[in-house]
Every structure is written in C-alpha cells, then in structure tokens.
Protein backbone atom coordinates (compact mmCIF):
# COMPACT_ATOMS: atom_id res chain seq x y z
CA MET A 1 187.00 70.82 72.61
CA LEU A 2 183.53 71.24 74.05
CA LYS A 3 180.41 71.65 71.94
CA ARG A 4 177.04 72.96 73.00
CA LYS A 5 173.57 72.06 71.80
CA LYS A 6 172.12 74.81 69.63
CA GLU A 7 169.00 75.18 71.73
CA SER A 8 171.12 75.40 74.90
CA LEU A 9 173.35 78.02 73.27
CA GLU A 10 170.43 80.26 72.29
CA ALA A 11 168.72 79.89 75.66
CA GLY A 12 171.98 80.43 77.51
CA ARG A 13 172.75 83.60 75.56
CA GLN A 14 169.37 85.10 76.43
CA LEU A 15 169.76 84.20 80.09
CA LEU A 16 173.30 85.55 80.19
CA SER A 17 172.28 88.83 78.57
CA LYS A 18 169.52 89.22 81.13
CA GLY A 19 171.83 88.22 83.99
CA LEU A 20 174.59 90.63 82.98
CA SER A 21 172.15 93.52 82.68
CA GLN A 22 171.02 92.77 86.24
CA GLY A 23 174.55 92.26 87.54
CA GLN A 24 174.06 88.51 88.04
CA VAL A 25 175.57 85.55 86.18
CA ASN A 26 174.50 81.95 86.77
CA LEU A 27 177.17 79.31 86.11
CA ALA A 28 174.58 76.54 85.72
CA GLU A 29 172.92 78.44 82.89
CA ILE A 30 176.23 79.17 81.16
CA MET A 31 177.42 75.55 81.33
CA ASP A 32 174.14 73.92 80.33
CA GLY A 33 174.28 71.66 77.29
CA TYR A 34 178.05 71.16 76.88
CA SER A 35 179.68 67.86 75.96
CA LYS A 36 182.96 66.69 74.43
CA LEU A 37 183.33 67.04 70.65
CA LEU A 38 184.04 63.61 69.13
CA ILE A 39 185.18 62.51 65.68
CA ASP A 40 181.79 60.96 64.91
CA ASP A 41 179.83 64.10 65.79
CA PRO A 42 178.20 65.84 62.80
CA VAL A 43 180.30 68.52 61.10
CA ARG A 44 178.39 71.50 59.76
CA PRO A 45 179.11 72.76 56.24
CA PHE A 46 180.22 76.37 55.92
CA ARG A 47 178.48 78.64 53.44
CA GLU A 48 179.58 82.18 52.63
CA GLU A 49 176.05 83.51 52.77
CA ASN A 50 175.84 82.45 56.43
CA LEU A 51 179.03 84.24 57.52
CA SER A 52 177.34 87.18 59.21
CA GLU A 53 174.98 84.91 61.14
CA ILE A 54 177.83 82.62 62.22
CA GLU A 55 179.99 85.50 63.45
CA SER A 56 177.17 87.10 65.39
CA SER A 57 176.20 83.83 67.11
CA VAL A 58 179.68 82.67 68.13
CA ASP A 59 179.91 81.00 71.55
CA TYR A 60 182.18 82.35 74.31
CA GLY A 61 181.67 79.38 76.62
CA ILE A 62 182.67 79.84 80.24
CA LEU A 63 184.64 82.95 79.22
CA GLU A 64 181.36 84.87 79.17
CA ALA A 65 181.27 84.61 82.96
CA LEU A 66 184.53 86.59 83.12
CA GLN A 67 183.16 89.72 81.42
CA GLY A 68 183.85 92.83 83.49
CA THR A 69 186.37 94.03 86.07
CA TRP A 70 187.53 91.79 88.91
CA VAL A 71 189.46 93.06 91.92
CA SER A 72 191.13 91.55 94.97
CA TYR A 73 188.84 90.22 97.68
CA ASN A 74 190.65 89.86 100.99
CA VAL A 75 189.55 87.56 103.82
CA ASN A 76 191.45 85.13 106.01
CA TYR A 77 189.56 82.40 107.83
CA ASN A 78 192.66 80.45 108.89
CA LYS A 79 192.95 81.02 112.64
CA ASN A 80 196.40 79.40 112.66
CA VAL A 81 197.72 82.41 110.74
CA THR A 82 197.86 85.11 113.41
CA SER A 83 199.15 88.01 111.30
CA PRO A 84 196.29 89.76 109.47
CA SER A 85 196.52 89.48 105.71
CA LEU A 86 197.34 92.74 103.97
CA ALA A 87 195.96 91.64 100.61
CA SER A 88 194.31 88.69 98.90
CA GLY A 89 197.12 87.79 96.51
CA ILE A 90 200.32 85.88 97.30
CA HIS A 91 203.31 85.62 95.00
CA THR A 92 206.67 83.92 95.38
CA THR A 93 209.58 84.92 93.18
CA ILE A 94 212.93 83.16 92.88
CA MET A 95 215.71 84.91 90.96
CA PRO A 96 219.47 84.46 90.52
CA SER A 97 221.45 85.75 93.48
CA PRO A 98 223.51 88.91 92.78
CA GLY A 99 226.95 88.07 91.49
CA THR A 100 225.99 84.73 90.00
CA ASN A 101 225.96 83.79 86.35
CA SER A 102 225.00 80.79 84.30
CA GLY A 103 227.25 77.84 84.98
CA THR A 104 228.84 79.01 88.24
CA ILE A 105 228.09 78.80 91.97
CA PRO A 106 225.11 76.48 91.66
CA GLY A 107 222.06 76.88 93.83
CA LYS A 108 222.42 80.52 94.82
CA PHE A 109 219.08 82.31 94.59
CA SER A 110 217.15 85.22 96.07
CA PHE A 111 213.63 84.66 97.35
CA ASP A 112 210.77 87.13 97.68
CA CYS A 113 207.24 86.49 98.93
CA GLU A 114 204.74 89.33 98.96
CA GLU A 115 201.05 89.96 99.23
CA TYR A 116 199.38 91.89 96.44
CA ILE A 117 196.19 93.52 95.22
CA GLU A 118 195.00 93.23 91.67
CA LYS A 119 192.71 94.60 89.02
CA LEU A 120 191.83 92.15 86.24
CA THR A 121 189.51 93.28 83.43
CA PHE A 122 187.96 91.02 80.79
CA THR A 123 186.33 92.53 77.71
CA ILE A 124 184.38 90.45 75.21
CA VAL A 125 185.37 91.08 71.58
CA PRO A 126 182.11 91.40 69.62
CA GLY A 127 181.68 89.03 66.70
CA GLY A 128 183.37 85.73 66.07
CA VAL A 129 187.05 85.38 65.16
CA ARG A 130 187.29 83.43 61.91
CA ASN A 131 190.32 81.18 61.34
CA ARG A 132 190.39 79.95 57.74
CA GLY A 133 192.19 76.72 56.99
CA GLY A 134 190.92 75.75 53.54
CA ALA A 135 188.65 72.75 54.02
CA SER A 136 188.43 73.54 57.76
CA GLU A 137 187.09 76.70 59.35
CA LEU A 138 187.32 77.50 63.06
CA PHE A 139 185.36 80.24 64.80
CA CYS A 140 186.41 81.49 68.23
CA GLY A 141 184.94 83.76 70.85
CA ALA A 142 187.66 86.21 71.92
CA VAL A 143 187.96 87.91 75.31
CA LYS A 144 190.66 90.52 75.98
CA TYR A 145 192.22 90.80 79.42
CA GLU A 146 194.29 93.45 81.20
CA GLN A 147 196.00 92.76 84.52
CA SER A 148 197.57 95.22 86.97
CA ILE A 149 199.20 94.08 90.22
CA GLN A 150 200.60 96.03 93.16
CA SER A 151 202.51 94.54 96.08
CA VAL A 152 201.36 95.47 99.59
CA ASN A 153 203.85 95.88 102.41
CA THR A 154 204.01 97.59 105.78
CA VAL A 155 205.96 100.79 106.10
CA LYS A 156 208.41 100.61 109.00
CA GLY A 157 207.44 102.99 111.76
CA GLN A 158 204.17 103.93 110.07
CA GLU A 159 200.67 102.53 110.08
CA ASP A 160 200.15 103.10 106.38
CA LEU A 161 200.64 100.32 103.84
CA LYS A 162 202.96 100.66 100.90
CA TYR A 163 201.54 99.84 97.46
CA THR A 164 204.08 99.24 94.71
CA PRO A 165 203.26 98.39 91.06
CA ILE A 166 205.03 95.15 90.21
CA HIS A 167 203.26 93.57 87.23
CA GLU A 168 201.34 94.53 84.11
CA GLU A 169 200.05 92.07 81.54
CA ASN A 170 197.59 91.96 78.69
CA GLY A 171 196.42 89.42 76.21
CA MET A 172 193.48 87.45 74.98
CA TYR A 173 191.56 84.30 75.76
CA LEU A 174 189.92 82.33 72.95
CA TRP A 175 187.03 79.90 73.29
CA LEU A 176 186.88 77.41 70.42
CA SER A 177 183.28 77.87 69.34
CA ASP A 178 182.56 76.07 66.07
CA VAL A 179 184.38 73.92 63.51
CA TYR A 180 183.02 73.89 59.96
CA ASN A 181 183.85 72.04 56.78
CA HIS A 182 184.33 74.41 53.85
CA ALA A 183 184.25 72.32 50.69
CA ALA A 184 185.15 73.75 47.30
CA THR A 185 182.31 75.12 45.19
CA LYS A 186 182.08 76.01 41.51
CA GLU A 187 182.18 79.68 42.48
CA SER A 188 185.19 79.35 44.82
CA ILE A 189 187.15 77.35 42.25
CA GLU A 190 186.57 79.90 39.49
CA ARG A 191 187.36 82.79 41.83
CA ASP A 192 190.58 81.31 43.22
CA ARG A 193 192.10 79.66 40.13
CA GLY A 194 195.77 80.33 39.65
CA ILE A 195 196.81 77.88 36.91
CA HIS A 196 196.61 77.91 33.13
CA ALA A 197 193.43 76.63 31.53
CA PHE A 198 195.45 74.44 29.14
CA SER A 199 198.82 72.87 29.98
CA GLN A 200 201.16 72.22 27.07
CA GLU A 201 203.27 70.06 29.40
CA ASP A 202 200.26 67.86 30.23
CA PHE A 203 199.58 67.43 26.53
CA GLU A 204 203.17 66.56 25.60
CA LYS A 205 203.88 64.21 28.53
CA TYR A 206 200.51 62.58 29.15
CA GLY A 207 198.40 63.32 26.11
CA TYR A 208 195.82 65.25 28.18
CA LYS A 209 193.99 67.78 25.98
CA GLY A 210 191.43 69.16 28.42
CA GLU A 211 191.40 72.30 30.52
CA TYR A 212 191.88 72.65 34.30
CA ARG A 213 192.79 69.05 35.12
CA ASP A 214 190.72 68.46 38.25
CA GLU A 215 191.37 64.77 38.82
CA PRO A 216 194.46 62.55 38.78
CA LEU A 217 195.85 60.95 35.67
CA VAL A 218 196.91 57.30 35.89
CA LYS A 219 199.31 55.40 33.68
CA VAL A 220 197.74 52.17 32.41
CA SER A 221 200.57 51.03 30.11
CA LYS A 222 203.16 48.57 31.34
CA GLU A 223 206.93 49.06 31.29
CA GLY A 224 208.17 48.92 27.69
CA GLU A 225 204.76 49.75 26.19
CA GLU A 226 203.85 53.09 24.66
CA ASN A 227 202.88 55.47 27.45
CA LYS A 228 199.15 55.77 27.94
CA TYR A 229 197.48 57.95 30.57
CA ILE A 230 193.78 58.24 31.37
CA LEU A 231 191.75 60.12 33.95
CA LEU A 232 191.14 58.27 37.20
CA SER A 233 187.40 58.36 36.49
CA GLN A 234 188.00 56.47 33.21
CA LEU A 235 189.66 53.57 34.99
CA GLU A 236 187.75 50.29 34.66
CA PRO A 237 186.99 48.35 37.86
CA GLY A 238 190.02 46.23 38.72
CA GLN A 239 192.12 47.73 35.94
CA PRO A 240 195.78 48.01 37.07
CA TYR A 241 197.71 51.29 36.90
CA TYR A 242 201.40 52.04 37.34
CA GLU A 243 201.77 55.78 37.97
CA ILE A 244 199.62 58.52 39.47
CA ILE A 245 199.84 62.13 38.31
CA PRO A 246 198.11 64.27 40.98
CA ALA A 247 195.37 66.68 40.00
CA GLN A 248 196.24 70.35 39.57
CA GLU A 249 192.78 71.73 40.23
CA LEU A 250 189.82 71.20 42.57
CA LYS A 251 186.43 69.78 41.81
CA PRO A 252 183.26 71.12 43.42
CA GLY A 253 182.87 69.27 46.71
CA ALA A 254 186.60 68.75 47.20
CA GLY A 255 187.48 68.72 50.89
CA VAL A 256 184.13 67.41 52.11
CA ASP A 257 185.83 64.16 53.09
CA GLY A 258 188.20 65.89 55.51
CA PRO A 259 190.51 65.62 57.30
CA TYR A 260 188.50 67.23 60.07
CA PHE A 261 189.94 69.29 62.92
CA ILE A 262 189.11 67.84 66.34
CA PRO A 263 191.09 69.93 68.86
CA ASP A 264 191.90 68.43 72.24
CA TYR A 265 191.50 71.77 73.99
CA SER A 266 188.71 74.36 74.32
CA ILE A 267 190.52 77.45 75.61
CA SER A 268 193.74 79.23 74.66
CA ARG A 269 195.39 82.19 76.33
CA SER A 270 197.92 84.47 74.69
CA GLY A 271 199.70 86.87 77.03
CA VAL A 272 202.36 89.57 76.82
CA ILE A 273 204.53 90.00 79.93
CA PRO A 274 206.71 93.13 80.03
CA HIS A 275 209.70 91.31 81.56
CA GLY A 276 210.23 89.94 78.08
CA SER A 277 208.07 86.86 77.55
CA THR A 278 205.06 86.06 75.42
CA ILE A 279 203.05 82.98 76.30
CA THR A 280 200.48 80.70 74.73
CA LEU A 281 198.61 78.37 77.06
CA LEU A 282 196.17 75.68 75.99
CA GLY A 283 193.64 73.95 78.17
CA ASP A 284 190.11 72.95 78.96
CA ILE A 285 187.45 72.77 81.62
CA ALA A 286 188.29 69.92 84.00
CA PRO A 287 185.18 67.77 84.50
CA GLN A 288 184.09 65.70 87.45
CA GLY A 289 182.70 62.56 85.89
CA GLN A 290 180.55 63.79 83.00
CA SER A 291 179.82 67.20 84.53
CA TYR A 292 181.71 70.39 83.73
CA LEU A 293 179.85 72.26 86.47
CA ILE A 294 180.94 70.76 89.78
CA ASN A 295 178.78 71.03 92.87
CA GLY A 296 180.33 72.08 96.17
CA SER A 297 183.69 73.70 96.75
CA PRO A 298 187.09 73.14 95.08
CA TYR A 299 189.27 70.69 96.99
CA PHE A 300 192.53 71.73 98.60
CA PRO A 301 194.44 69.39 100.96
CA ASP A 302 195.22 69.91 104.65
CA GLY A 303 198.14 69.04 106.89
CA LYS A 304 200.86 66.78 105.54
CA GLU A 305 198.82 66.07 102.42
CA ALA A 306 199.39 69.68 101.41
CA TRP A 307 203.08 68.92 100.77
CA GLU A 308 202.56 68.36 97.04
CA PRO A 309 205.65 69.33 95.01
CA ASP A 310 203.56 70.38 91.98
CA HIS A 311 202.14 73.30 94.02
CA LEU A 312 205.15 74.25 96.17
CA SER A 313 207.58 77.10 95.74
CA ILE A 314 210.18 74.42 96.49
CA SER A 315 210.55 72.19 93.45
CA ARG A 316 211.83 68.61 93.49
CA THR A 317 215.06 69.84 91.89
CA MET A 318 215.69 72.19 94.85
CA GLY A 319 216.25 69.39 97.34
CA SER A 320 212.73 69.36 98.84
CA ALA A 321 213.89 70.90 102.14
CA GLY A 322 215.08 67.55 103.43
CA VAL A 323 211.58 66.07 103.26
CA THR A 324 211.38 62.28 102.98
CA PRO A 325 208.34 59.96 102.82
CA ASP A 326 208.76 59.35 106.56
CA ASN A 327 209.35 63.00 107.43
CA ILE A 328 206.82 65.28 105.70
CA ILE A 329 206.26 68.86 106.83
CA ASP A 330 202.73 69.63 108.03
CA LEU A 331 201.90 73.01 106.49
CA ASP A 332 199.01 73.52 108.91
CA ARG A 333 201.34 73.51 111.90
CA PRO A 334 204.17 75.89 112.79
CA ALA A 335 207.32 75.42 110.74
CA PRO A 336 209.76 72.80 112.09
CA ALA A 337 212.27 73.99 114.69
CA TRP A 338 215.23 73.62 112.30
CA VAL A 339 213.75 76.39 110.11
CA HIS A 340 214.88 78.93 112.73
CA GLU A 341 218.19 77.25 113.69
CA THR A 342 221.70 77.85 112.49
CA LEU A 343 222.40 74.91 110.22
CA ASP A 344 225.72 73.19 109.63
CA ASP A 345 227.07 69.90 108.31
CA THR A 346 226.00 68.17 111.51
CA ASN A 347 222.31 69.03 111.64
CA ASP A 348 221.94 69.49 107.88
CA PRO A 349 224.00 66.88 106.03
CA GLY A 350 223.76 67.37 102.31
CA SER A 351 222.67 71.03 102.69
CA ASN A 352 219.07 70.23 101.75
CA LYS A 353 217.58 72.28 104.61
CA ILE A 354 219.68 75.40 104.42
CA TYR A 355 219.07 75.50 100.69
CA THR A 356 215.38 76.30 101.19
CA GLN A 357 215.33 77.40 104.85
CA ARG A 358 214.51 81.01 103.99
CA ILE A 359 211.31 79.92 102.19
CA LEU A 360 209.93 78.19 105.26
CA ALA A 361 211.17 80.93 107.58
CA ASP A 362 209.36 83.66 105.64
CA ASP A 363 206.81 85.79 107.53
CA LEU A 364 204.09 84.60 105.15
CA TYR A 365 204.55 80.91 105.99
CA PRO A 366 202.80 78.59 105.08
CA TYR A 367 201.78 80.60 102.01
CA SER A 368 205.45 81.22 101.20
CA VAL A 369 205.77 77.46 100.73
CA ARG A 370 202.41 76.71 99.14
CA PRO A 371 200.65 79.91 98.01
CA ASP A 372 197.38 78.28 96.95
CA LEU A 373 196.65 77.48 100.60
CA ARG A 374 195.50 81.12 100.78
CA LEU A 375 192.80 80.15 98.25
CA ARG A 376 191.83 77.22 100.45
CA ASP A 377 191.69 79.38 103.55
CA THR A 378 189.51 81.94 101.80
CA LEU A 379 187.03 79.19 100.88
CA ARG A 380 186.93 77.79 104.43
CA GLY A 381 184.53 80.46 105.62
CA GLN A 382 182.36 80.48 102.50
CA GLU A 383 179.37 78.53 101.23
CA VAL A 384 180.28 77.46 97.69
CA SER A 385 177.36 76.24 95.59
CA ASN A 386 179.26 75.14 92.48
CA PHE A 387 182.32 75.94 90.40
CA VAL A 388 184.01 75.51 87.03
CA HIS A 389 187.69 74.49 87.00
CA ILE A 390 189.87 75.56 84.06
CA LYS A 391 193.32 73.98 83.64
CA MET A 392 195.86 75.37 81.17
CA SER A 393 199.54 74.89 80.39
CA SER A 394 202.20 75.92 77.92
CA LYS A 395 203.63 72.40 78.00
CA MET A 396 201.15 69.54 77.78
CA LYS A 397 202.19 65.93 78.34
CA THR A 398 200.42 64.89 75.14
CA GLY A 399 198.51 66.54 72.32
CA ALA A 400 198.49 70.16 71.22
CA GLN A 401 201.22 72.34 72.69
CA GLY A 402 201.43 75.99 73.66
CA GLY A 403 204.74 77.76 74.06
CA ILE A 404 206.86 80.60 75.43
CA LEU A 405 209.05 83.08 73.58
CA ASN A 406 211.60 85.09 75.59
CA VAL A 407 213.68 88.14 74.71
CA PRO A 408 217.46 87.45 74.57
CA PHE A 409 218.23 88.72 78.09
CA VAL A 410 215.59 86.51 79.71
CA ASN A 411 216.51 83.59 77.48
CA ARG A 412 220.15 83.83 78.50
CA PHE A 413 219.96 84.46 82.23
CA VAL A 414 216.52 83.35 83.50
CA PRO A 415 214.83 81.26 80.80
CA THR A 416 211.08 80.93 81.30
CA VAL A 417 210.29 77.38 80.22
CA GLU A 418 206.77 76.53 81.38
CA VAL A 419 203.56 78.15 82.63
CA ASP A 420 200.79 76.15 84.34
CA MET A 421 197.51 77.69 85.40
CA ASN A 422 194.43 76.67 87.39
CA MET A 423 191.39 78.92 87.44
CA TRP A 424 188.23 78.40 89.48
CA ILE A 425 185.04 80.34 88.77
CA GLU A 426 182.80 79.85 91.80
CA THR A 427 179.26 80.58 92.89
CA ILE A 428 179.27 81.81 96.50
CA ILE A 429 176.07 81.95 98.55
CA GLU A 430 176.27 85.04 100.71
CA ASP A 431 173.43 86.75 102.59
CA GLY A 432 170.96 84.66 100.60
CA LYS A 433 172.34 85.82 97.25
CA GLU A 434 174.66 84.32 94.64
CA VAL A 435 178.03 86.03 94.15
CA LEU A 436 180.61 85.06 91.54
CA GLN A 437 184.19 84.61 92.71
CA LEU A 438 187.35 84.03 90.69
CA GLN A 439 190.40 82.23 92.07
CA TYR A 440 193.58 81.29 90.26
CA GLU A 441 196.95 79.67 90.74
CA GLN A 442 199.65 80.34 88.15
CA ILE A 443 203.07 78.67 88.30
CA VAL A 444 205.87 79.90 86.05
CA PHE A 445 209.02 77.79 85.94
CA PHE A 446 212.43 79.41 85.47
CA GLU A 447 215.70 77.59 84.80
CA PHE A 448 219.02 79.10 85.79
CA ASP A 449 222.30 77.64 87.05
CA PHE A 450 222.47 73.97 87.99
CA GLY A 451 222.95 71.62 90.90
CA ASN A 452 226.23 70.29 92.28
CA ASP A 453 225.79 67.28 90.01
CA GLY A 454 225.24 69.45 86.92
CA GLY A 455 221.49 68.78 86.83
CA THR A 456 219.08 71.51 85.76
CA THR A 457 217.25 73.32 88.55
CA SER A 458 213.61 74.35 88.12
CA TRP A 459 212.57 77.46 90.06
CA PRO A 460 208.80 78.01 90.57
CA HIS A 461 207.40 81.55 90.49
CA ILE A 462 203.84 81.28 91.84
CA GLN A 463 200.90 83.69 91.87
CA THR A 464 197.55 83.04 93.58
CA ASN A 465 194.64 85.35 94.19
CA THR A 466 190.94 85.60 94.96
CA LEU A 467 188.90 88.20 93.09
CA ARG A 468 185.34 89.46 92.89
CA LYS A 469 183.51 92.13 90.96
CA LEU A 470 183.95 95.61 92.43
CA LYS A 471 180.36 95.76 93.68
CA ASP A 472 180.81 92.51 95.63
CA ILE A 473 183.69 93.50 97.91
CA PRO A 474 183.49 95.42 101.22
CA GLU A 475 183.45 99.20 101.14
CA ASP A 476 186.88 99.60 102.78
CA GLN A 477 188.51 97.32 100.20
CA ARG A 478 186.66 99.06 97.37
CA LYS A 479 188.09 102.41 98.40
CA VAL A 480 191.63 101.00 98.33
CA ILE A 481 191.09 99.54 94.86
CA GLU A 482 189.64 102.77 93.49
CA GLN A 483 192.53 104.73 94.99
CA GLN A 484 195.31 102.42 93.77
CA PHE A 485 193.77 101.71 90.36
CA PRO A 486 192.26 105.02 89.24
CA GLY A 487 189.37 104.71 86.82
CA THR A 488 188.13 101.42 88.25
CA GLN A 489 184.38 101.43 87.75
CA PRO A 490 181.73 98.79 86.99
CA GLN A 491 181.33 98.26 83.24
CA ILE A 492 178.33 100.15 81.90
CA THR A 493 176.34 99.23 78.81
CA GLY A 494 174.72 101.71 76.47
CA ASP A 495 171.43 101.70 78.38
CA GLY A 496 173.13 102.45 81.70
CA SER A 497 172.99 98.89 83.05
CA THR A 498 175.98 96.91 84.21
CA GLY A 499 176.86 94.05 81.86
CA CYS A 500 177.90 92.92 78.42
CA PRO A 501 176.81 95.13 75.53
CA TYR A 502 177.22 92.48 72.86
CA HIS A 503 174.39 90.07 73.58
CA LYS A 504 171.36 92.27 73.76
CA GLU A 505 168.32 90.79 72.12
C-alpha cells in the first residue's frame, strides 16, 4: 500500500481540480509525495467526530487521472506491418472447437483475432468508502468503470467497415487511501454492550462479584487447593497462575495495540463480465527504483526478445509452436516459411507446429501472436515524457489474493482461472502540449481439455488497446466513436467545464 504526505495530498488535490477543470492532468503532480506504507509508520487514531472530514478528504491516488471517458486512439508506426490498422485494440480468443467436450479429443481449439474500438468511462464516487473492521478502519477512494467494445472487420465486396458489439463490462476500482486504528472508548463500549451486567456463572465458578468483567481472571491456586481466582491486574509481580479466563468485555483503549492492517497492495478492481464471470484483481503501482513516476517510455522488446511466453497467445502448455532456445521466432520479421506450409509427421514431428500454426498465419500477425506489440508500435512514433505502470492479478504468487467466480456453464466447459493486467498511464508530448494516454494489456487464462499426456492446457485470451480522451483523438476517429457509441461526450461539471465535480475548492 502506498501512503502520501498530507501536504502533498492537499496540494495535489488543488492542482488536480484545477487541471481537470482546464482539461489537463499532470502525472507528476498526482504522484508527488507517495511512498510505501511500512509497519513502523505512524497509525492515525480514528475518531467519530472526524468522520465527515475523513470521508471528504479521501485519496484516489493514480485513479484520479482516469476520471472521464477514454476512447480508442488508432495509429500504426510499424512500417513492417503493411496492412493499415482498422482499430487500436487487438484481442485474441481461444475457445473449445465445436464438437469437443471436457476430457476428449485433446488440443482442439478455435482461434479468433480481431481489431476493436472501445469506450471506457471512469467516474469518481464522491466521498470515501469506509470499511469497518473493529480495531482497524480502512478508507478507500472508489472509481466506477464501464467498458464497451466493438470488433472492427472489413465487409467483403464493400469499402465500409463492420462494427460488431462483442463485450460489455462494468465494475469498480478502489484505491486504498487511509488505515486508522479505532480503539474502544467509554462511549462505544456502553453503546455496543451485549452481555449481562452481572454474571451468576462468574460468581459461582470464579467468585467474581463485579459487573461487566473487562479483564481476564487468573487462577492462582495450585492443583488440590481451594479454587481462587483474581483479576489479572491484581496479580503480584512474578506471582504464578495456572488458568486464564478471558475477559468478556472491553476496556477503554482496547485495540490500540493492534494488530494493524498493512496491505501489500494499493489498488483493487472488481468487475462483472456478462459471459458469466466476476473478478477481483489486486495490485499496485510498479516502481522503478524508488520512483512510482517513471521517466521516458514503457519498455517493450523487439525481435527475438519479444518471444516471451507470459505475453503470447501461445502458452507454454500449447507446445510453443516448436520454438526451442536455439530456434526462436523473430516477431519483427515475416512469419517462418513453415507457417504457410502443409505440415505432416515429416516436417512437424510431435505436432507442435500444426497445433498453433493458425495463430502465426493469422492476417494480424505478429499481433495475433503477441498483441501488446501493437502498444509498442503505437509508442514508437510518440514522445513519452513519463508514465505510471499498474500491475494487477487475480492470482498473486505471494500475499493477498484476488479471485474469480464463474457461473456453472463457464465453470464446467471453459473455466476462467486467472486474470493478469498491465496498465500504463502516459504523458505524451504532442505539438508542444501534454496529452494523457492510457494503454493496457489484459490476459485471461482459460482451462479446457488436456494434452495427450493428460496435462492441463492453459489458453490465453488477450486484450490490448491504446486510448485517449475524446478531445485528444483525430476528428475522423472521433466521428466513428460518436457514431458507434451514441451519447459519447466529454464529461461536464456543474459550471460547464470539463473535469471532476468532486474536488472543487
């Protein structure tokens, strides 16, 4: 979890409010003053009388930069890709081949790769979200999101493009803003009591005559002696005791000694996907050294280095298209000759090539193999000043875990088992001005059928896209967006300015 200095938070909020009203957001100002929350950092006490102030001053972190409507921004600076791109987004989808079912005919799958346009709207939820956990209180800044995606294809025999709705999703991002310690007070104890003032059982078993026993009783008599119990506070230094009877009530100040909640993540995302899955991803801003705002452009590899299984639509469990350490496919060169050959047992022993041949032979190669190369190629012709990199997953190697819940049909035939996401928020220098740009890569892993050896096969479904605010894309693209997503307009505040209505001073 990241924390921000109070003075930086207040200054940043004022700058952000001003920037949003003018249609400009500065990443350096948003990210100023953040550092990692550690166990020895001071914990603030929570007081009921401060609730309104706490809720109104909650931090939204980097999520504040997302406020508004983002739409596809389409450019292609890769001269090796001769076909003009129809849209900014690329998705690959692998599904069970018709006629197959779980446990039979292993390795049969259908493959689709399409370009798409997108509208992605983020709306800040005013006021902090309070999560009450007794001695611990957590306040979050919540941001709703709504996503609409349409595939873009050519229409045979026509010049017009075909736009087809293929995905709708909504959900919420949470930024972990503040952790407080909420110790018991005299007022909270009296308000929340739920036990009898006097316990007949305590009197008969332990000889305790008081009301609301708010500290442990200890037995100070040895085995065989007449039972004698006293309050823990009555115990003499060094005096031995032989039983502990826990307290049944709180004392003022109880809980001040913890335990304290130190989350190992700063951002969560909860999403509802109409195919029948709900997801919870956890993650954080990925730093470079000690900095969470990274200068320059995000790094994406070239050539043979781009063959990284973690980002390919061909997983390790799919045979890796016959690739070996001595024979790696260069994704910045035309696909190997065998991709367009008729394969048999002679030129493809082990069936590793034919298994994934269609992915490399797709018209959208190399993006059909590694979709995030489209993000790289978009950045190639841009001047990137700085960026923030967010990494999230439903399945972390260590620490707090997210999760996925599928409806029975999905769970039975195409279980969704993991979602990994990278998001880059970038400052682009264009015509002497700063423009915000949003790029993402999302990989969803399905599991269906199995290999010839009975091993589980992991099937990546990948989405990547580049987006900008509506006002920052070319006029011809803006017209397409407004036509395909009716009602798409810049967000307007109460005073008629574009921006966030919740942080006006």
